[in-house]
Amino acid sequence: MEAEDRERNSISLIVKSPNQALDQHRLDQVNLNWTVRDLKIRLSRDFPTKPVFKRN
């Protein structure tokens, strides 16, 4: 049941490099309730270039 709830409350995102230097990167199980901060933290872990997450 939890897996079904997680699937209903999440999406997949395709992240594209602005200069197309990198291939598209797919992020699965992105929660619909995430904030921009949550997404940036996930990208800092999973994106190939490991962008630094800066806390403001």
Foldseek 3Di string as FASTA:
>chain_A
DVVVVLQVQFDKDWDADPVNPDDIDIDGSHGNPDDVLVVLVVCLVPPPVNDDRDDD
